[in-house]
């Protein structure tokens, strides 16, 4: 039943980290609702900036919001004006000091959310769903993805009865916990109603210890004022563990 489970939630604490990092206590419900409002506002406000993840960290007096995006220039603006505006707007939601960090996604073709939203935009522009999905799959495989699966549901081509259609290339082992699989769901709003697009992207397998930070391997573009974390997070060792402790035979002279 691996295909019935969200691959991200299934790997939390194993090879994936959490998108919200704070201790709630008695105010857990209020903070959770506030996180939802922050994410909803950022995705609506920066709809053209190709925003993927919004990671939220909290201390007693500071809320650190980290945005991963394929187009950091739109968020930062000329001389950092746009990011300062966004910071003031988020202060009104949280009633606390806000720091904004921006990380660039170097290969958006390997980000499941960006791939799903790209397919949605093309379908809303009346491009054939088969063509949009096949182009997205080809782009991801060109970027060295090990596998990709796309499932689309709804009134395809305006049919009276809704149905689902799947497309797959490569391998996507949902039951292998060391498999680094990104997953996302997006909706396309068409004249025939909504269409749901689910995307799974297999990036490879993780061996050894892995940094559970969602920002592992990304480049930091710009940071707001405050004492938040910065720079690149270290990636884990992806090489297979040599149990015998002997050097690899290929490296011997």
C-alpha atoms as a PDB file:
ATOM      1  CA  UNK A   1       0.000   0.000   0.000  1.00  0.00           C
ATOM      2  CA  UNK A   2       2.984   2.301  -0.453  1.00  0.00           C
ATOM      3  CA  UNK A   3       1.220   4.116  -3.291  1.00  0.00           C
ATOM      4  CA  UNK A   4      -1.552   5.224  -0.895  1.00  0.00           C
ATOM      5  CA  UNK A   5       0.822   7.084   1.442  1.00  0.00           C
ATOM      6  CA  UNK A   6       2.236  10.591   1.083  1.00  0.00           C
ATOM      7  CA  UNK A   7       5.936   9.894   0.303  1.00  0.00           C
ATOM      8  CA  UNK A   8       7.084  13.023   2.165  1.00  0.00           C
ATOM      9  CA  UNK A   9       5.268  12.251   5.437  1.00  0.00           C
ATOM     10  CA  UNK A  10       6.376   8.632   5.156  1.00  0.00           C
ATOM     11  CA  UNK A  11      10.060   9.682   5.197  1.00  0.00           C
ATOM     12  CA  UNK A  12       9.999  12.346   7.921  1.00  0.00           C
ATOM     13  CA  UNK A  13      12.824  11.761  10.371  1.00  0.00           C
ATOM     14  CA  UNK A  14      14.470   9.243   8.021  1.00  0.00           C
ATOM     15  CA  UNK A  15      15.714  11.260   5.026  1.00  0.00           C
ATOM     16  CA  UNK A  16      13.327  14.258   5.178  1.00  0.00           C
ATOM     17  CA  UNK A  17      13.024  17.126   7.650  1.00  0.00           C
ATOM     18  CA  UNK A  18       9.999  19.113   8.794  1.00  0.00           C
ATOM     19  CA  UNK A  19       8.756  22.336   7.162  1.00  0.00           C
ATOM     20  CA  UNK A  20       7.751  23.815  10.547  1.00  0.00           C
ATOM     21  CA  UNK A  21      10.342  23.794  13.348  1.00  0.00           C
ATOM     22  CA  UNK A  22       9.151  25.066  16.727  1.00  0.00           C
ATOM     23  CA  UNK A  23       7.774  23.983  20.094  1.00  0.00           C
ATOM     24  CA  UNK A  24       4.080  24.803  20.487  1.00  0.00           C
ATOM     25  CA  UNK A  25       3.110  23.990  24.060  1.00  0.00           C
ATOM     26  CA  UNK A  26      -0.401  25.192  24.925  1.00  0.00           C
ATOM     27  CA  UNK A  27      -0.436  27.527  21.889  1.00  0.00           C
ATOM     28  CA  UNK A  28       0.164  24.711  19.405  1.00  0.00           C
ATOM     29  CA  UNK A  29      -3.170  25.170  17.596  1.00  0.00           C
ATOM     30  CA  UNK A  30      -2.748  28.944  17.232  1.00  0.00           C
ATOM     31  CA  UNK A  31       0.794  28.588  15.865  1.00  0.00           C
ATOM     32  CA  UNK A  32      -0.275  25.873  13.435  1.00  0.00           C
ATOM     33  CA  UNK A  33      -3.098  28.074  12.108  1.00  0.00           C
ATOM     34  CA  UNK A  34      -0.650  30.985  11.835  1.00  0.00           C
ATOM     35  CA  UNK A  35       1.762  28.820   9.809  1.00  0.00           C
ATOM     36  CA  UNK A  36      -1.089  27.971   7.429  1.00  0.00           C
ATOM     37  CA  UNK A  37      -1.964  31.663   7.014  1.00  0.00           C
ATOM     38  CA  UNK A  38       1.697  32.576   6.341  1.00  0.00           C
ATOM     39  CA  UNK A  39       2.077  29.883   3.664  1.00  0.00           C
ATOM     40  CA  UNK A  40      -1.255  30.711   2.038  1.00  0.00           C
ATOM     41  CA  UNK A  41      -0.407  34.431   1.951  1.00  0.00           C
ATOM     42  CA  UNK A  42       3.088  33.904   0.511  1.00  0.00           C
ATOM     43  CA  UNK A  43       1.866  31.555  -2.251  1.00  0.00           C
ATOM     44  CA  UNK A  44      -0.904  34.027  -3.196  1.00  0.00           C
ATOM     45  CA  UNK A  45       1.300  37.141  -2.953  1.00  0.00           C
ATOM     46  CA  UNK A  46       4.225  35.583  -4.859  1.00  0.00           C
ATOM     47  CA  UNK A  47       2.243  33.519  -7.370  1.00  0.00           C
ATOM     48  CA  UNK A  48       4.588  34.554 -10.229  1.00  0.00           C
ATOM     49  CA  UNK A  49       7.814  33.872  -8.327  1.00  0.00           C
ATOM     50  CA  UNK A  50       7.740  30.035  -8.612  1.00  0.00           C
ATOM     51  CA  UNK A  51       7.705  29.513  -4.824  1.00  0.00           C
ATOM     52  CA  UNK A  52       8.024  25.861  -3.790  1.00  0.00           C
ATOM     53  CA  UNK A  53       8.495  25.447  -0.023  1.00  0.00           C
ATOM     54  CA  UNK A  54       7.937  27.842   2.878  1.00  0.00           C
ATOM     55  CA  UNK A  55       9.860  26.704   5.982  1.00  0.00           C
ATOM     56  CA  UNK A  56       8.973  28.358   9.290  1.00  0.00           C
ATOM     57  CA  UNK A  57      11.104  28.440  12.445  1.00  0.00           C
ATOM     58  CA  UNK A  58      10.090  30.179  15.664  1.00  0.00           C
ATOM     59  CA  UNK A  59      11.832  31.475  18.757  1.00  0.00           C
ATOM     60  CA  UNK A  60      10.303  33.506  21.573  1.00  0.00           C
ATOM     61  CA  UNK A  61      10.502  36.853  19.751  1.00  0.00           C
ATOM     62  CA  UNK A  62      11.435  35.969  16.161  1.00  0.00           C
ATOM     63  CA  UNK A  63       9.747  34.137  13.286  1.00  0.00           C
ATOM     64  CA  UNK A  64      12.162  33.006  10.557  1.00  0.00           C
ATOM     65  CA  UNK A  65      10.491  32.364   7.194  1.00  0.00           C
ATOM     66  CA  UNK A  66      12.623  30.613   4.578  1.00  0.00           C
ATOM     67  CA  UNK A  67      11.319  30.664   1.003  1.00  0.00           C
ATOM     68  CA  UNK A  68      12.638  28.308  -1.684  1.00  0.00           C
ATOM     69  CA  UNK A  69      12.064  29.682  -5.170  1.00  0.00           C
ATOM     70  CA  UNK A  70      13.218  29.300  -8.764  1.00  0.00           C
ATOM     71  CA  UNK A  71      13.018  33.095  -9.323  1.00  0.00           C
ATOM     72  CA  UNK A  72      14.566  34.853  -6.303  1.00  0.00           C
ATOM     73  CA  UNK A  73      14.905  38.200  -8.110  1.00  0.00           C
ATOM     74  CA  UNK A  74      11.123  38.725  -8.131  1.00  0.00           C
ATOM     75  CA  UNK A  75      10.915  38.257  -4.345  1.00  0.00           C
ATOM     76  CA  UNK A  76      13.959  40.407  -3.520  1.00  0.00           C
ATOM     77  CA  UNK A  77      13.095  43.279  -5.871  1.00  0.00           C
ATOM     78  CA  UNK A  78      15.273  46.258  -6.749  1.00  0.00           C
ATOM     79  CA  UNK A  79      17.647  46.900  -3.853  1.00  0.00           C
ATOM     80  CA  UNK A  80      15.674  44.513  -1.622  1.00  0.00           C
ATOM     81  CA  UNK A  81      12.544  46.697  -1.608  1.00  0.00           C
ATOM     82  CA  UNK A  82      10.077  43.868  -2.261  1.00  0.00           C
ATOM     83  CA  UNK A  83      11.457  41.613   0.473  1.00  0.00           C
ATOM     84  CA  UNK A  84      11.229  44.499   2.980  1.00  0.00           C
ATOM     85  CA  UNK A  85       7.568  45.031   2.034  1.00  0.00           C
ATOM     86  CA  UNK A  86       6.857  41.328   2.468  1.00  0.00           C
ATOM     87  CA  UNK A  87       8.532  41.376   5.876  1.00  0.00           C
ATOM     88  CA  UNK A  88       6.266  44.209   7.075  1.00  0.00           C
ATOM     89  CA  UNK A  89       3.176  42.386   5.773  1.00  0.00           C
ATOM     90  CA  UNK A  90       4.132  39.180   7.609  1.00  0.00           C
ATOM     91  CA  UNK A  91       4.695  41.167  10.820  1.00  0.00           C
ATOM     92  CA  UNK A  92       0.987  42.060  10.773  1.00  0.00           C
ATOM     93  CA  UNK A  93       0.056  38.360  10.593  1.00  0.00           C
ATOM     94  CA  UNK A  94       2.437  37.182  13.330  1.00  0.00           C
ATOM     95  CA  UNK A  95       2.672  40.267  15.609  1.00  0.00           C
ATOM     96  CA  UNK A  96       6.376  39.398  15.971  1.00  0.00           C
ATOM     97  CA  UNK A  97       9.688  40.324  14.378  1.00  0.00           C
ATOM     98  CA  UNK A  98      10.089  38.474  11.062  1.00  0.00           C
ATOM     99  CA  UNK A  99      13.256  37.437   9.249  1.00  0.00           C
ATOM    100  CA  UNK A 100      13.059  36.262   5.625  1.00  0.00           C
ATOM    101  CA  UNK A 101      15.657  33.992   4.020  1.00  0.00           C
ATOM    102  CA  UNK A 102      15.535  33.187   0.306  1.00  0.00           C
ATOM    103  CA  UNK A 103      17.056  30.072  -1.259  1.00  0.00           C
ATOM    104  CA  UNK A 104      17.288  29.507  -5.002  1.00  0.00           C
ATOM    105  CA  UNK A 105      16.170  26.243  -6.602  1.00  0.00           C
ATOM    106  CA  UNK A 106      18.856  25.550  -9.202  1.00  0.00           C
ATOM    107  CA  UNK A 107      16.937  22.786 -11.013  1.00  0.00           C
ATOM    108  CA  UNK A 108      13.171  23.483 -10.919  1.00  0.00           C
ATOM    109  CA  UNK A 109      12.594  20.455 -13.185  1.00  0.00           C
ATOM    110  CA  UNK A 110      13.366  18.248 -10.149  1.00  0.00           C
ATOM    111  CA  UNK A 111      10.946  20.042  -7.799  1.00  0.00           C
ATOM    112  CA  UNK A 112       7.589  18.227  -7.754  1.00  0.00           C
ATOM    113  CA  UNK A 113       5.531  21.294  -6.771  1.00  0.00           C
ATOM    114  CA  UNK A 114       7.001  23.484  -9.521  1.00  0.00           C
ATOM    115  CA  UNK A 115       6.491  20.722 -12.101  1.00  0.00           C
ATOM    116  CA  UNK A 116       2.850  20.235 -11.006  1.00  0.00           C
ATOM    117  CA  UNK A 117       2.056  23.978 -11.094  1.00  0.00           C
ATOM    118  CA  UNK A 118       3.728  24.288 -14.515  1.00  0.00           C
ATOM    119  CA  UNK A 119       1.469  21.528 -15.889  1.00  0.00           C
ATOM    120  CA  UNK A 120      -1.557  23.272 -14.329  1.00  0.00           C
ATOM    121  CA  UNK A 121      -0.721  26.604 -15.985  1.00  0.00           C
ATOM    122  CA  UNK A 122      -0.381  24.945 -19.387  1.00  0.00           C
ATOM    123  CA  UNK A 123      -3.709  23.118 -19.023  1.00  0.00           C
ATOM    124  CA  UNK A 124      -5.395  26.390 -18.011  1.00  0.00           C
ATOM    125  CA  UNK A 125      -3.908  27.915 -21.186  1.00  0.00           C
ATOM    126  CA  UNK A 126      -5.774  25.226 -23.194  1.00  0.00           C
ATOM    127  CA  UNK A 127      -2.668  23.198 -24.055  1.00  0.00           C
ATOM    128  CA  UNK A 128      -3.332  19.450 -24.356  1.00  0.00           C
ATOM    129  CA  UNK A 129      -2.772  17.758 -20.976  1.00  0.00           C
ATOM    130  CA  UNK A 130      -0.905  14.874 -22.648  1.00  0.00           C
ATOM    131  CA  UNK A 131       1.518  17.252 -24.344  1.00  0.00           C
ATOM    132  CA  UNK A 132       2.081  19.277 -21.138  1.00  0.00           C
ATOM    133  CA  UNK A 133       2.751  16.155 -19.053  1.00  0.00           C
ATOM    134  CA  UNK A 134       5.068  14.526 -21.618  1.00  0.00           C
ATOM    135  CA  UNK A 135       7.104  17.736 -21.926  1.00  0.00           C
ATOM    136  CA  UNK A 136       7.410  17.935 -18.109  1.00  0.00           C
ATOM    137  CA  UNK A 137       8.514  14.292 -17.891  1.00  0.00           C
ATOM    138  CA  UNK A 138      11.121  14.774 -20.638  1.00  0.00           C
ATOM    139  CA  UNK A 139      12.506  17.907 -18.912  1.00  0.00           C
ATOM    140  CA  UNK A 140      12.828  16.103 -15.554  1.00  0.00           C
ATOM    141  CA  UNK A 141      14.549  13.083 -17.084  1.00  0.00           C
ATOM    142  CA  UNK A 142      17.002  15.397 -18.893  1.00  0.00           C
ATOM    143  CA  UNK A 143      17.967  16.770 -15.469  1.00  0.00           C
ATOM    144  CA  UNK A 144      19.010  13.256 -14.369  1.00  0.00           C
ATOM    145  CA  UNK A 145      15.898  12.294 -12.413  1.00  0.00           C
ATOM    146  CA  UNK A 146      15.856   8.513 -11.881  1.00  0.00           C
ATOM    147  CA  UNK A 147      12.105   8.408 -12.435  1.00  0.00           C
ATOM    148  CA  UNK A 148       8.918  10.490 -12.544  1.00  0.00           C
ATOM    149  CA  UNK A 149       5.233   9.635 -12.253  1.00  0.00           C
ATOM    150  CA  UNK A 150       2.313  11.978 -13.030  1.00  0.00           C
ATOM    151  CA  UNK A 151      -1.360  11.272 -12.296  1.00  0.00           C
ATOM    152  CA  UNK A 152      -4.076  13.572 -13.641  1.00  0.00           C
ATOM    153  CA  UNK A 153      -7.745  13.320 -12.617  1.00  0.00           C
ATOM    154  CA  UNK A 154     -10.841  15.201 -13.746  1.00  0.00           C
ATOM    155  CA  UNK A 155     -12.940  15.811 -16.851  1.00  0.00           C
ATOM    156  CA  UNK A 156     -10.119  15.174 -19.299  1.00  0.00           C
ATOM    157  CA  UNK A 157     -10.725  16.840 -22.683  1.00  0.00           C
ATOM    158  CA  UNK A 158     -14.143  17.952 -21.396  1.00  0.00           C
ATOM    159  CA  UNK A 159     -15.522  14.410 -21.054  1.00  0.00           C
ATOM    160  CA  UNK A 160     -18.840  14.069 -19.211  1.00  0.00           C
ATOM    161  CA  UNK A 161     -17.452  11.555 -16.735  1.00  0.00           C
ATOM    162  CA  UNK A 162     -14.290  12.296 -14.758  1.00  0.00           C
ATOM    163  CA  UNK A 163     -11.464   9.782 -14.976  1.00  0.00           C
ATOM    164  CA  UNK A 164      -7.795   9.404 -14.088  1.00  0.00           C
ATOM    165  CA  UNK A 165      -4.810   8.881 -16.353  1.00  0.00           C
ATOM    166  CA  UNK A 166      -1.250   8.125 -15.314  1.00  0.00           C
ATOM    167  CA  UNK A 167       2.141   8.668 -16.982  1.00  0.00           C
ATOM    168  CA  UNK A 168       5.409   7.176 -15.783  1.00  0.00           C
ATOM    169  CA  UNK A 169       9.044   7.003 -16.847  1.00  0.00           C
ATOM    170  CA  UNK A 170      11.945   5.446 -14.950  1.00  0.00           C
ATOM    171  CA  UNK A 171      11.610   4.006 -11.448  1.00  0.00           C
ATOM    172  CA  UNK A 172       9.692   5.452  -8.485  1.00  0.00           C
ATOM    173  CA  UNK A 173      10.030   2.942  -5.572  1.00  0.00           C
ATOM    174  CA  UNK A 174       7.491   4.289  -3.059  1.00  0.00           C
ATOM    175  CA  UNK A 175       8.176   1.572  -0.457  1.00  0.00           C
ATOM    176  CA  UNK A 176      11.958   2.148  -0.325  1.00  0.00           C
ATOM    177  CA  UNK A 177      12.532   4.611   2.532  1.00  0.00           C
ATOM    178  CA  UNK A 178      16.041   5.562   1.403  1.00  0.00           C
ATOM    179  CA  UNK A 179      14.611   6.651  -1.981  1.00  0.00           C
ATOM    180  CA  UNK A 180      14.613  10.465  -2.176  1.00  0.00           C
ATOM    181  CA  UNK A 181      11.137  11.039  -3.655  1.00  0.00           C
ATOM    182  CA  UNK A 182       9.575  14.492  -3.947  1.00  0.00           C
ATOM    183  CA  UNK A 183       5.766  14.671  -4.139  1.00  0.00           C
ATOM    184  CA  UNK A 184       3.241  17.435  -4.786  1.00  0.00           C
ATOM    185  CA  UNK A 185      -0.417  17.994  -5.635  1.00  0.00           C
ATOM    186  CA  UNK A 186      -1.759  20.951  -7.623  1.00  0.00           C
ATOM    187  CA  UNK A 187      -5.116  21.884  -9.149  1.00  0.00           C
ATOM    188  CA  UNK A 188      -5.889  23.319 -12.584  1.00  0.00           C
ATOM    189  CA  UNK A 189      -9.081  25.401 -12.837  1.00  0.00           C
ATOM    190  CA  UNK A 190     -10.593  24.940 -16.303  1.00  0.00           C
ATOM    191  CA  UNK A 191     -13.958  25.728 -17.920  1.00  0.00           C
ATOM    192  CA  UNK A 192     -14.890  22.064 -17.352  1.00  0.00           C
ATOM    193  CA  UNK A 193     -14.076  22.188 -13.639  1.00  0.00           C
ATOM    194  CA  UNK A 194     -11.040  21.309 -11.556  1.00  0.00           C
ATOM    195  CA  UNK A 195      -8.312  18.889 -12.538  1.00  0.00           C
ATOM    196  CA  UNK A 196      -5.970  17.396  -9.958  1.00  0.00           C
ATOM    197  CA  UNK A 197      -2.323  16.787 -10.877  1.00  0.00           C
ATOM    198  CA  UNK A 198      -0.088  14.652  -8.652  1.00  0.00           C
ATOM    199  CA  UNK A 199       3.655  14.426  -9.320  1.00  0.00           C
ATOM    200  CA  UNK A 200       6.253  12.037  -7.872  1.00  0.00           C
ATOM    201  CA  UNK A 201       9.938  12.604  -8.735  1.00  0.00           C
ATOM    202  CA  UNK A 202      12.628  10.087  -7.788  1.00  0.00           C
ATOM    203  CA  UNK A 203      15.965  11.901  -7.347  1.00  0.00           C
ATOM    204  CA  UNK A 204      18.112   8.989  -6.175  1.00  0.00           C
ATOM    205  CA  UNK A 205      18.830   6.917  -3.079  1.00  0.00           C
ATOM    206  CA  UNK A 206      20.352   8.255   0.136  1.00  0.00           C
ATOM    207  CA  UNK A 207      23.029   6.161   1.859  1.00  0.00           C
ATOM    208  CA  UNK A 208      24.591   6.889   5.229  1.00  0.00           C
ATOM    209  CA  UNK A 209      23.674   9.908   7.347  1.00  0.00           C
ATOM    210  CA  UNK A 210      21.577  12.652   5.754  1.00  0.00           C
ATOM    211  CA  UNK A 211      21.099  16.224   6.901  1.00  0.00           C
ATOM    212  CA  UNK A 212      17.351  16.411   7.595  1.00  0.00           C
ATOM    213  CA  UNK A 213      17.170  20.116   6.744  1.00  0.00           C
ATOM    214  CA  UNK A 214      14.715  20.751   3.859  1.00  0.00           C
ATOM    215  CA  UNK A 215      17.297  23.269   2.555  1.00  0.00           C
ATOM    216  CA  UNK A 216      20.130  20.773   2.076  1.00  0.00           C
ATOM    217  CA  UNK A 217      22.164  21.607  -1.014  1.00  0.00           C
ATOM    218  CA  UNK A 218      20.471  24.916  -1.867  1.00  0.00           C
ATOM    219  CA  UNK A 219      22.118  28.292  -2.434  1.00  0.00           C
ATOM    220  CA  UNK A 220      21.159  31.181  -0.185  1.00  0.00           C
ATOM    221  CA  UNK A 221      20.442  34.331  -2.203  1.00  0.00           C
ATOM    222  CA  UNK A 222      19.425  36.960   0.354  1.00  0.00           C
ATOM    223  CA  UNK A 223      18.548  37.214   4.023  1.00  0.00           C
ATOM    224  CA  UNK A 224      16.527  39.659   6.050  1.00  0.00           C
ATOM    225  CA  UNK A 225      17.898  41.257   9.211  1.00  0.00           C
ATOM    226  CA  UNK A 226      18.171  39.090  12.281  1.00  0.00           C
ATOM    227  CA  UNK A 227      20.123  36.162  13.634  1.00  0.00           C
ATOM    228  CA  UNK A 228      18.789  33.353  11.434  1.00  0.00           C
ATOM    229  CA  UNK A 229      20.740  30.543   9.866  1.00  0.00           C
ATOM    230  CA  UNK A 230      22.454  31.195   6.545  1.00  0.00           C
ATOM    231  CA  UNK A 231      24.585  29.595   3.894  1.00  0.00           C
ATOM    232  CA  UNK A 232      24.409  26.161   2.394  1.00  0.00           C
ATOM    233  CA  UNK A 233      23.378  23.244   4.572  1.00  0.00           C
ATOM    234  CA  UNK A 234      25.743  20.244   4.299  1.00  0.00           C
ATOM    235  CA  UNK A 235      24.567  17.235   2.338  1.00  0.00           C
ATOM    236  CA  UNK A 236      24.870  13.711   3.687  1.00  0.00           C
ATOM    237  CA  UNK A 237      27.258  11.098   2.327  1.00  0.00           C
ATOM    238  CA  UNK A 238      25.497   9.448  -0.624  1.00  0.00           C
ATOM    239  CA  UNK A 239      28.188   6.778  -1.187  1.00  0.00           C
ATOM    240  CA  UNK A 240      27.388   3.148  -0.217  1.00  0.00           C
ATOM    241  CA  UNK A 241      28.798   2.164   3.167  1.00  0.00           C
ATOM    242  CA  UNK A 242      31.766  -0.222   2.941  1.00  0.00           C
ATOM    243  CA  UNK A 243      31.145  -2.700   5.781  1.00  0.00           C
ATOM    244  CA  UNK A 244      34.571  -4.305   5.556  1.00  0.00           C
ATOM    245  CA  UNK A 245      36.342  -1.018   6.167  1.00  0.00           C
ATOM    246  CA  UNK A 246      38.660  -1.741   3.215  1.00  0.00           C
ATOM    247  CA  UNK A 247      39.386   0.798   0.503  1.00  0.00           C
ATOM    248  CA  UNK A 248      37.499   0.426  -2.763  1.00  0.00           C
ATOM    249  CA  UNK A 249      39.328  -1.949  -5.114  1.00  0.00           C
ATOM    250  CA  UNK A 250      38.961   0.549  -7.943  1.00  0.00           C
ATOM    251  CA  UNK A 251      41.075   3.087  -6.022  1.00  0.00           C
ATOM    252  CA  UNK A 252      43.990   0.716  -5.431  1.00  0.00           C
ATOM    253  CA  UNK A 253      47.101   1.302  -7.490  1.00  0.00           C
END
